Amino acid sequence: MKKNLKIAFFGSSIVSAYWNGAATYYRGIVKSLHKMGHEVTFYEPDIYERQKHRDIDDPEWCSVKVYPEDQVTLRALLREASEADVIIKASGVGAFDDFLEDAVVQLKKDDNLVIFWDVDAPATLDRIESNPSDPFNALVPKYDFVLTYGGGQPVIDAYERNGAKKCIPIYNALDTDTHFPVEPQKNFEGSLAFLGNRLPDRETRVEEFFIRPAGNLPEEKFILGGSGWGDKSMPKNIEDVGHVYTKDHNAFNCTPKAVLNISRDSMAKYGFSPATRVFEAAGAGACLITDYWKGIETFFEPGKEILVAKDGKEVESILNELTSEKAEEIGKAAYKKVLAAHTYDHRAELLESVISEKLEPQPNSVEQNQ
């Protein structure tokens, strides 16, 4: 019989997507685990003004514990978390990450699991492989599992090369409760929209795939969403709408003719790392154009369910040829695929099977032969 698990999860934030791209990922996974009967407590630090920019109130599908930035409180919460069946430390918590990575390993017992969940595996792997004295190198083999937000076989190989007992990608997906087709919204009208915060390892690709095409297509309107772009020099046909709250993502995806996905440098390098917004856009029935990365066909069929551009010139060519009818056709095909194979229920089922297999006592060879 399946056991309902108590899961302690230390992550960046589940209630605020403010400068926190993992929020919708956490929400989707945790909500689906709750539907399966598991009890999740999510521990998050009160940093970066995220609590002032919440997207949601404390949800009914998990217990949220926000802690101040001090180790005394955190140690008390770790003692509480030690009673859980599964204890997860996510990468990029933003406060006391090194401390937490070691502290969670110390909570390992015979009847529990300790898991490192890497939501930015390329960055972590680059860090530890370039610095053999990084303390995390010694901790990797002590976790029961390393789960990753993406990366496919290249990331699995890299983590296992660095001592991981087992590395399993749990890819982004669609949360059908929050992302779905809606009516268009006038302020998001345009030929192409891109949503993403300004980050150093993505800015050059944004210039190539979004800003340069906009400059070469002055008659078309481009929509830019996300934080940090205010002082960036851009063509006049780009409208910067600033931070787009989660509640407005559906309209942002549904309204323009097409939406653009641009990978960060590290994600593009490893491949097999579709951003959350790829599935959000598909779940809204949007026509999605993405920069090329290895493994796209694992998730969507290029040319039918998604359009792929290897550089800015190809983005321009796609926009020049893309009719409203074709965009709608591609959006419908992507919507059908994401519902069939890429929801968070699919991802949580995989996670549950991995955890249950490890926690459930295995019959001995005598019993197996009876």
Foldseek 3Di string as FASTA:
>chain_A
DADAWEEEEEAQDCFFCAVNLCNVVVVQQQQLSLVVPHAYEYEAECDPVRVVHTLDDQDPSYHYHYDYQDVVVVVVVLVVRLPTQEYEYEPPSPGCNVVVLVSQLVSDDPQHFYEYEYAQLLVVLVVCVVPVPPVVLVSQQSGQEYEYQWQPPVSQVSSVVSRHPGYYYLYAAAALVQFAADDADVVLEWAEEEADADDPQFPVQCCKAPQVLCVVCVVTAYEYEYPDCPPPDGDPSYDYPYHDRSNCLLNNLNHYLAYEDTDGNSCQVSFGHDRNVVNSSLRNLFAYEYEDHPPPVVQPDDPQQHDYDPTNVRSNVCSVPDDSVSRNRNSVRSNVRRVVAGGSNNSNVVVSVVRCVVNDDDDDPVVVVD
